[in-house]
Amino acid sequence: MKKVKRMANELGLSFNSLVNALLLKTIREGGVDLRNPALSENGFTQGFENSLLEADKQENYQSFDSIQAMLKTARK
């Protein structure tokens, strides 16, 4: 909060003015994109998503009918 107040002061604005300006910008632009640009649209890092896609290409993985079945196998 102190950093934001300092930034507002450096811009010659009060904290409230800065917040109001941000809210108006958000309304004009139809929202704020809070997604992490380092993550894919699925929420994974590119490296992890690539490893999932590669694993999906392999034919030697086991599928399960339920999470319980998967956990039972994983505990063995």
PDB file of N, CA and C in Angstrom:
ATOM      1  N   MET A   1       0.819  -1.180   0.000  1.00  0.00           N
ATOM      2  CA  MET A   1       0.000   0.000   0.000  1.00  0.00           C
ATOM      3  C   MET A   1       0.874   1.260   0.000  1.00  0.00           C
ATOM      4  N   LYS A   2       1.987   1.190   0.709  1.00  0.00           N
ATOM      5  CA  LYS A   2       2.881   2.342   0.757  1.00  0.00           C
ATOM      6  C   LYS A   2       3.449   2.644  -0.624  1.00  0.00           C
ATOM      7  N   LYS A   3       3.764   1.579  -1.383  1.00  0.00           N
ATOM      8  CA  LYS A   3       4.312   1.774  -2.731  1.00  0.00           C
ATOM      9  C   LYS A   3       3.298   2.463  -3.636  1.00  0.00           C
ATOM     10  N   VAL A   4       2.028   2.086  -3.508  1.00  0.00           N
ATOM     11  CA  VAL A   4       0.986   2.687  -4.332  1.00  0.00           C
ATOM     12  C   VAL A   4       0.811   4.156  -3.969  1.00  0.00           C
ATOM     13  N   LYS A   5       0.816   4.458  -2.684  1.00  0.00           N
ATOM     14  CA  LYS A   5       0.687   5.844  -2.251  1.00  0.00           C
ATOM     15  C   LYS A   5       1.876   6.673  -2.722  1.00  0.00           C
ATOM     16  N   ARG A   6       3.065   6.071  -2.679  1.00  0.00           N
ATOM     17  CA  ARG A   6       4.271   6.763  -3.153  1.00  0.00           C
ATOM     18  C   ARG A   6       4.173   7.013  -4.656  1.00  0.00           C
ATOM     19  N   MET A   7       3.686   6.020  -5.400  1.00  0.00           N
ATOM     20  CA  MET A   7       3.541   6.164  -6.842  1.00  0.00           C
ATOM     21  C   MET A   7       2.535   7.271  -7.165  1.00  0.00           C
ATOM     22  N   ALA A   8       1.418   7.277  -6.454  1.00  0.00           N
ATOM     23  CA  ALA A   8       0.409   8.317  -6.661  1.00  0.00           C
ATOM     24  C   ALA A   8       1.019   9.695  -6.405  1.00  0.00           C
ATOM     25  N   ASN A   9       1.779   9.812  -5.324  1.00  0.00           N
ATOM     26  CA  ASN A   9       2.423  11.073  -4.987  1.00  0.00           C
ATOM     27  C   ASN A   9       3.395  11.510  -6.079  1.00  0.00           C
ATOM     28  N   GLU A  10       4.158  10.559  -6.624  1.00  0.00           N
ATOM     29  CA  GLU A  10       5.111  10.872  -7.694  1.00  0.00           C
ATOM     30  C   GLU A  10       4.397  11.360  -8.951  1.00  0.00           C
ATOM     31  N   LEU A  11       3.155  10.897  -9.154  1.00  0.00           N
ATOM     32  CA  LEU A  11       2.363  11.329 -10.302  1.00  0.00           C
ATOM     33  C   LEU A  11       1.595  12.613 -10.013  1.00  0.00           C
ATOM     34  N   GLY A  12       1.705  13.095  -8.796  1.00  0.00           N
ATOM     35  CA  GLY A  12       0.996  14.308  -8.416  1.00  0.00           C
ATOM     36  C   GLY A  12      -0.480  14.072  -8.153  1.00  0.00           C
ATOM     37  N   LEU A  13      -0.830  12.846  -7.777  1.00  0.00           N
ATOM     38  CA  LEU A  13      -2.217  12.478  -7.515  1.00  0.00           C
ATOM     39  C   LEU A  13      -2.375  12.022  -6.074  1.00  0.00           C
ATOM     40  N   SER A  14      -3.588  12.137  -5.584  1.00  0.00           N
ATOM     41  CA  SER A  14      -3.886  11.529  -4.296  1.00  0.00           C
ATOM     42  C   SER A  14      -4.126  10.036  -4.529  1.00  0.00           C
ATOM     43  N   PHE A  15      -4.096   9.278  -3.479  1.00  0.00           N
ATOM     44  CA  PHE A  15      -4.367   7.844  -3.579  1.00  0.00           C
ATOM     45  C   PHE A  15      -5.752   7.615  -4.182  1.00  0.00           C
ATOM     46  N   ASN A  16      -6.747   8.366  -3.691  1.00  0.00           N
ATOM     47  CA  ASN A  16      -8.116   8.214  -4.199  1.00  0.00           C
ATOM     48  C   ASN A  16      -8.214   8.553  -5.680  1.00  0.00           C
ATOM     49  N   SER A  17      -7.517   9.594  -6.111  1.00  0.00           N
ATOM     50  CA  SER A  17      -7.526   9.964  -7.533  1.00  0.00           C
ATOM     51  C   SER A  17      -6.924   8.869  -8.393  1.00  0.00           C
ATOM     52  N   LEU A  18      -5.852   8.260  -7.891  1.00  0.00           N
ATOM     53  CA  LEU A  18      -5.218   7.170  -8.629  1.00  0.00           C
ATOM     54  C   LEU A  18      -6.158   5.971  -8.747  1.00  0.00           C
ATOM     55  N   VAL A  19      -6.823   5.622  -7.661  1.00  0.00           N
ATOM     56  CA  VAL A  19      -7.769   4.508  -7.675  1.00  0.00           C
ATOM     57  C   VAL A  19      -8.927   4.817  -8.629  1.00  0.00           C
ATOM     58  N   ASN A  20      -9.456   6.035  -8.578  1.00  0.00           N
ATOM     59  CA  ASN A  20     -10.543   6.415  -9.477  1.00  0.00           C
ATOM     60  C   ASN A  20     -10.113   6.342 -10.935  1.00  0.00           C
ATOM     61  N   ALA A  21      -8.895   6.792 -11.237  1.00  0.00           N
ATOM     62  CA  ALA A  21      -8.391   6.727 -12.605  1.00  0.00           C
ATOM     63  C   ALA A  21      -8.279   5.274 -13.065  1.00  0.00           C
ATOM     64  N   LEU A  22      -7.809   4.406 -12.186  1.00  0.00           N
ATOM     65  CA  LEU A  22      -7.690   2.986 -12.518  1.00  0.00           C
ATOM     66  C   LEU A  22      -9.070   2.372 -12.760  1.00  0.00           C
ATOM     67  N   LEU A  23     -10.034   2.712 -11.927  1.00  0.00           N
ATOM     68  CA  LEU A  23     -11.390   2.189 -12.099  1.00  0.00           C
ATOM     69  C   LEU A  23     -12.012   2.671 -13.410  1.00  0.00           C
ATOM     70  N   LEU A  24     -11.843   3.939 -13.734  1.00  0.00           N
ATOM     71  CA  LEU A  24     -12.375   4.461 -14.994  1.00  0.00           C
ATOM     72  C   LEU A  24     -11.731   3.772 -16.195  1.00  0.00           C
ATOM     73  N   LYS A  25     -10.426   3.570 -16.140  1.00  0.00           N
ATOM     74  CA  LYS A  25      -9.716   2.869 -17.221  1.00  0.00           C
ATOM     75  C   LYS A  25     -10.242   1.441 -17.361  1.00  0.00           C
ATOM     76  N   THR A  26     -10.467   0.790 -16.236  1.00  0.00           N
ATOM     77  CA  THR A  26     -10.991  -0.575 -16.243  1.00  0.00           C
ATOM     78  C   THR A  26     -12.373  -0.624 -16.885  1.00  0.00           C
ATOM     79  N   ILE A  27     -13.222   0.332 -16.549  1.00  0.00           N
ATOM     80  CA  ILE A  27     -14.569   0.380 -17.121  1.00  0.00           C
ATOM     81  C   ILE A  27     -14.497   0.636 -18.624  1.00  0.00           C
ATOM     82  N   ARG A  28     -13.674   1.580 -19.043  1.00  0.00           N
ATOM     83  CA  ARG A  28     -13.546   1.903 -20.476  1.00  0.00           C
ATOM     84  C   ARG A  28     -13.044   0.715 -21.285  1.00  0.00           C
ATOM     85  N   GLU A  29     -12.113  -0.042 -20.702  1.00  0.00           N
ATOM     86  CA  GLU A  29     -11.511  -1.172 -21.427  1.00  0.00           C
ATOM     87  C   GLU A  29     -12.277  -2.470 -21.233  1.00  0.00           C
ATOM     88  N   GLY A  30     -13.341  -2.440 -20.448  1.00  0.00           N
ATOM     89  CA  GLY A  30     -14.164  -3.629 -20.263  1.00  0.00           C
ATOM     90  C   GLY A  30     -13.565  -4.664 -19.333  1.00  0.00           C
ATOM     91  N   GLY A  31     -12.679  -4.256 -18.460  1.00  0.00           N
ATOM     92  CA  GLY A  31     -12.101  -5.181 -17.493  1.00  0.00           C
ATOM     93  C   GLY A  31     -10.600  -5.060 -17.428  1.00  0.00           C
ATOM     94  N   VAL A  32     -10.018  -5.905 -16.614  1.00  0.00           N
ATOM     95  CA  VAL A  32      -8.572  -5.938 -16.433  1.00  0.00           C
ATOM     96  C   VAL A  32      -8.106  -7.369 -16.658  1.00  0.00           C
ATOM     97  N   ASP A  33      -7.096  -7.530 -17.480  1.00  0.00           N
ATOM     98  CA  ASP A  33      -6.540  -8.859 -17.734  1.00  0.00           C
ATOM     99  C   ASP A  33      -5.538  -9.179 -16.633  1.00  0.00           C
ATOM    100  N   LEU A  34      -5.912 -10.098 -15.747  1.00  0.00           N
ATOM    101  CA  LEU A  34      -5.050 -10.462 -14.626  1.00  0.00           C
ATOM    102  C   LEU A  34      -4.302 -11.772 -14.866  1.00  0.00           C
ATOM    103  N   ARG A  35      -4.391 -12.280 -16.086  1.00  0.00           N
ATOM    104  CA  ARG A  35      -3.692 -13.537 -16.377  1.00  0.00           C
ATOM    105  C   ARG A  35      -2.184 -13.329 -16.362  1.00  0.00           C
ATOM    106  N   ASN A  36      -1.493 -14.361 -15.956  1.00  0.00           N
ATOM    107  CA  ASN A  36      -0.040 -14.345 -15.955  1.00  0.00           C
ATOM    108  C   ASN A  36       0.427 -14.629 -17.377  1.00  0.00           C
ATOM    109  N   PRO A  37       1.130 -13.696 -18.027  1.00  0.00           N
ATOM    110  CA  PRO A  37       1.541 -13.915 -19.421  1.00  0.00           C
ATOM    111  C   PRO A  37       2.524 -15.077 -19.596  1.00  0.00           C
ATOM    112  N   ALA A  38       3.114 -15.543 -18.502  1.00  0.00           N
ATOM    113  CA  ALA A  38       4.045 -16.665 -18.599  1.00  0.00           C
ATOM    114  C   ALA A  38       3.321 -18.008 -18.644  1.00  0.00           C
ATOM    115  N   LEU A  39       1.998 -17.998 -18.421  1.00  0.00           N
ATOM    116  CA  LEU A  39       1.234 -19.240 -18.399  1.00  0.00           C
ATOM    117  C   LEU A  39       0.409 -19.379 -19.673  1.00  0.00           C
ATOM    118  N   SER A  40       0.174 -20.614 -20.069  1.00  0.00           N
ATOM    119  CA  SER A  40      -0.636 -20.886 -21.246  1.00  0.00           C
ATOM    120  C   SER A  40      -2.099 -20.604 -20.942  1.00  0.00           C
ATOM    121  N   GLU A  41      -2.944 -20.728 -21.952  1.00  0.00           N
ATOM    122  CA  GLU A  41      -4.376 -20.510 -21.729  1.00  0.00           C
ATOM    123  C   GLU A  41      -4.961 -21.548 -20.777  1.00  0.00           C
ATOM    124  N   ASN A  42      -4.243 -22.663 -20.573  1.00  0.00           N
ATOM    125  CA  ASN A  42      -4.680 -23.700 -19.646  1.00  0.00           C
ATOM    126  C   ASN A  42      -4.135 -23.491 -18.232  1.00  0.00           C
ATOM    127  N   GLY A  43      -3.314 -22.459 -18.049  1.00  0.00           N
ATOM    128  CA  GLY A  43      -2.782 -22.150 -16.728  1.00  0.00           C
ATOM    129  C   GLY A  43      -1.483 -22.855 -16.396  1.00  0.00           C
ATOM    130  N   PHE A  44      -0.817 -23.426 -17.405  1.00  0.00           N
ATOM    131  CA  PHE A  44       0.443 -24.138 -17.187  1.00  0.00           C
ATOM    132  C   PHE A  44       1.605 -23.341 -17.759  1.00  0.00           C
ATOM    133  N   THR A  45       2.809 -23.608 -17.235  1.00  0.00           N
ATOM    134  CA  THR A  45       3.987 -23.044 -17.888  1.00  0.00           C
ATOM    135  C   THR A  45       4.127 -23.731 -19.241  1.00  0.00           C
ATOM    136  N   GLN A  46       4.805 -23.077 -20.165  1.00  0.00           N
ATOM    137  CA  GLN A  46       4.937 -23.649 -21.503  1.00  0.00           C
ATOM    138  C   GLN A  46       5.662 -24.992 -21.462  1.00  0.00           C
ATOM    139  N   GLY A  47       6.683 -25.102 -20.613  1.00  0.00           N
ATOM    140  CA  GLY A  47       7.422 -26.359 -20.500  1.00  0.00           C
ATOM    141  C   GLY A  47       6.553 -27.496 -20.005  1.00  0.00           C
ATOM    142  N   PHE A  48       5.739 -27.228 -18.973  1.00  0.00           N
ATOM    143  CA  PHE A  48       4.868 -28.270 -18.430  1.00  0.00           C
ATOM    144  C   PHE A  48       3.803 -28.653 -19.448  1.00  0.00           C
ATOM    145  N   GLU A  49       3.231 -27.659 -20.120  1.00  0.00           N
ATOM    146  CA  GLU A  49       2.218 -27.967 -21.129  1.00  0.00           C
ATOM    147  C   GLU A  49       2.813 -28.793 -22.264  1.00  0.00           C
ATOM    148  N   ASN A  50       4.029 -28.459 -22.682  1.00  0.00           N
ATOM    149  CA  ASN A  50       4.684 -29.251 -23.733  1.00  0.00           C
ATOM    150  C   ASN A  50       4.905 -30.684 -23.280  1.00  0.00           C
ATOM    151  N   SER A  51       5.289 -30.885 -22.013  1.00  0.00           N
ATOM    152  CA  SER A  51       5.507 -32.251 -21.523  1.00  0.00           C
ATOM    153  C   SER A  51       4.184 -33.021 -21.477  1.00  0.00           C
ATOM    154  N   LEU A  52       3.095 -32.357 -21.146  1.00  0.00           N
ATOM    155  CA  LEU A  52       1.784 -33.017 -21.172  1.00  0.00           C
ATOM    156  C   LEU A  52       1.389 -33.410 -22.596  1.00  0.00           C
ATOM    157  N   LEU A  53       1.629 -32.513 -23.537  1.00  0.00           N
ATOM    158  CA  LEU A  53       1.292 -32.811 -24.930  1.00  0.00           C
ATOM    159  C   LEU A  53       2.137 -33.964 -25.465  1.00  0.00           C
ATOM    160  N   GLU A  54       3.410 -34.000 -25.088  1.00  0.00           N
ATOM    161  CA  GLU A  54       4.278 -35.105 -25.510  1.00  0.00           C
ATOM    162  C   GLU A  54       3.826 -36.421 -24.876  1.00  0.00           C
ATOM    163  N   ALA A  55       3.478 -36.387 -23.594  1.00  0.00           N
ATOM    164  CA  ALA A  55       3.015 -37.605 -22.914  1.00  0.00           C
ATOM    165  C   ALA A  55       1.730 -38.111 -23.545  1.00  0.00           C
ATOM    166  N   ASP A  56       0.883 -37.192 -23.994  1.00  0.00           N
ATOM    167  CA  ASP A  56      -0.378 -37.586 -24.612  1.00  0.00           C
ATOM    168  C   ASP A  56      -0.151 -38.297 -25.942  1.00  0.00           C
ATOM    169  N   LYS A  57       0.964 -37.996 -26.610  1.00  0.00           N
ATOM    170  CA  LYS A  57       1.275 -38.644 -27.891  1.00  0.00           C
ATOM    171  C   LYS A  57       1.732 -40.087 -27.705  1.00  0.00           C
ATOM    172  N   GLN A  58       2.230 -40.411 -26.517  1.00  0.00           N
ATOM    173  CA  GLN A  58       2.720 -41.757 -26.258  1.00  0.00           C
ATOM    174  C   GLN A  58       1.547 -42.693 -26.019  1.00  0.00           C
ATOM    175  N   GLU A  59       1.736 -43.927 -26.396  1.00  0.00           N
ATOM    176  CA  GLU A  59       0.655 -44.913 -26.279  1.00  0.00           C
ATOM    177  C   GLU A  59       0.794 -45.774 -25.021  1.00  0.00           C
ATOM    178  N   ASN A  60       1.800 -45.523 -24.205  1.00  0.00           N
ATOM    179  CA  ASN A  60       2.061 -46.420 -23.077  1.00  0.00           C
ATOM    180  C   ASN A  60       1.641 -45.844 -21.724  1.00  0.00           C
ATOM    181  N   TYR A  61       0.613 -45.026 -21.713  1.00  0.00           N
ATOM    182  CA  TYR A  61       0.150 -44.515 -20.437  1.00  0.00           C
ATOM    183  C   TYR A  61      -1.148 -45.209 -20.043  1.00  0.00           C
ATOM    184  N   GLN A  62      -1.427 -45.199 -18.773  1.00  0.00           N
ATOM    185  CA  GLN A  62      -2.591 -45.891 -18.251  1.00  0.00           C
ATOM    186  C   GLN A  62      -3.724 -44.892 -18.013  1.00  0.00           C
ATOM    187  N   SER A  63      -4.926 -45.256 -18.402  1.00  0.00           N
ATOM    188  CA  SER A  63      -6.072 -44.392 -18.130  1.00  0.00           C
ATOM    189  C   SER A  63      -6.903 -44.998 -17.001  1.00  0.00           C
ATOM    190  N   PHE A  64      -7.686 -44.168 -16.364  1.00  0.00           N
ATOM    191  CA  PHE A  64      -8.477 -44.592 -15.216  1.00  0.00           C
ATOM    192  C   PHE A  64      -9.919 -44.134 -15.399  1.00  0.00           C
ATOM    193  N   ASP A  65     -10.830 -44.893 -14.814  1.00  0.00           N
ATOM    194  CA  ASP A  65     -12.247 -44.539 -14.868  1.00  0.00           C
ATOM    195  C   ASP A  65     -12.638 -43.529 -13.800  1.00  0.00           C
ATOM    196  N   SER A  66     -11.804 -43.397 -12.778  1.00  0.00           N
ATOM    197  CA  SER A  66     -12.122 -42.469 -11.695  1.00  0.00           C
ATOM    198  C   SER A  66     -10.842 -42.032 -11.000  1.00  0.00           C
ATOM    199  N   ILE A  67     -10.951 -40.963 -10.253  1.00  0.00           N
ATOM    200  CA  ILE A  67      -9.813 -40.486  -9.459  1.00  0.00           C
ATOM    201  C   ILE A  67      -9.479 -41.508  -8.382  1.00  0.00           C
ATOM    202  N   GLN A  68     -10.499 -42.125  -7.813  1.00  0.00           N
ATOM    203  CA  GLN A  68     -10.269 -43.127  -6.776  1.00  0.00           C
ATOM    204  C   GLN A  68      -9.426 -44.283  -7.320  1.00  0.00           C
ATOM    205  N   ALA A  69      -9.733 -44.740  -8.538  1.00  0.00           N
ATOM    206  CA  ALA A  69      -8.962 -45.829  -9.145  1.00  0.00           C
ATOM    207  C   ALA A  69      -7.513 -45.397  -9.382  1.00  0.00           C
ATOM    208  N   MET A  70      -7.327 -44.161  -9.809  1.00  0.00           N
ATOM    209  CA  MET A  70      -5.977 -43.661 -10.040  1.00  0.00           C
ATOM    210  C   MET A  70      -5.205 -43.601  -8.728  1.00  0.00           C
ATOM    211  N   LEU A  71      -5.834 -43.081  -7.661  1.00  0.00           N
ATOM    212  CA  LEU A  71      -5.165 -42.983  -6.377  1.00  0.00           C
ATOM    213  C   LEU A  71      -4.844 -44.353  -5.806  1.00  0.00           C
ATOM    214  N   LYS A  72      -5.738 -45.309  -6.008  1.00  0.00           N
ATOM    215  CA  LYS A  72      -5.493 -46.672  -5.526  1.00  0.00           C
ATOM    216  C   LYS A  72      -4.260 -47.256  -6.205  1.00  0.00           C
ATOM    217  N   THR A  73      -4.128 -47.030  -7.502  1.00  0.00           N
ATOM    218  CA  THR A  73      -2.961 -47.527  -8.245  1.00  0.00           C
ATOM    219  C   THR A  73      -1.695 -46.776  -7.819  1.00  0.00           C
ATOM    220  N   ALA A  74      -1.802 -45.500  -7.590  1.00  0.00           N
ATOM    221  CA  ALA A  74      -0.649 -44.690  -7.208  1.00  0.00           C
ATOM    222  C   ALA A  74      -0.111 -45.067  -5.827  1.00  0.00           C
ATOM    223  N   ARG A  75      -0.977 -45.562  -4.960  1.00  0.00           N
ATOM    224  CA  ARG A  75      -0.550 -45.910  -3.601  1.00  0.00           C
ATOM    225  C   ARG A  75       0.174 -47.247  -3.558  1.00  0.00           C
ATOM    226  N   LYS A  76       0.099 -48.029  -4.615  1.00  0.00           N
ATOM    227  CA  LYS A  76       0.760 -49.341  -4.621  1.00  0.00           C
ATOM    228  C   LYS A  76       2.252 -49.212  -4.698  1.00  0.00           C
TER     229      LYS A  76
END
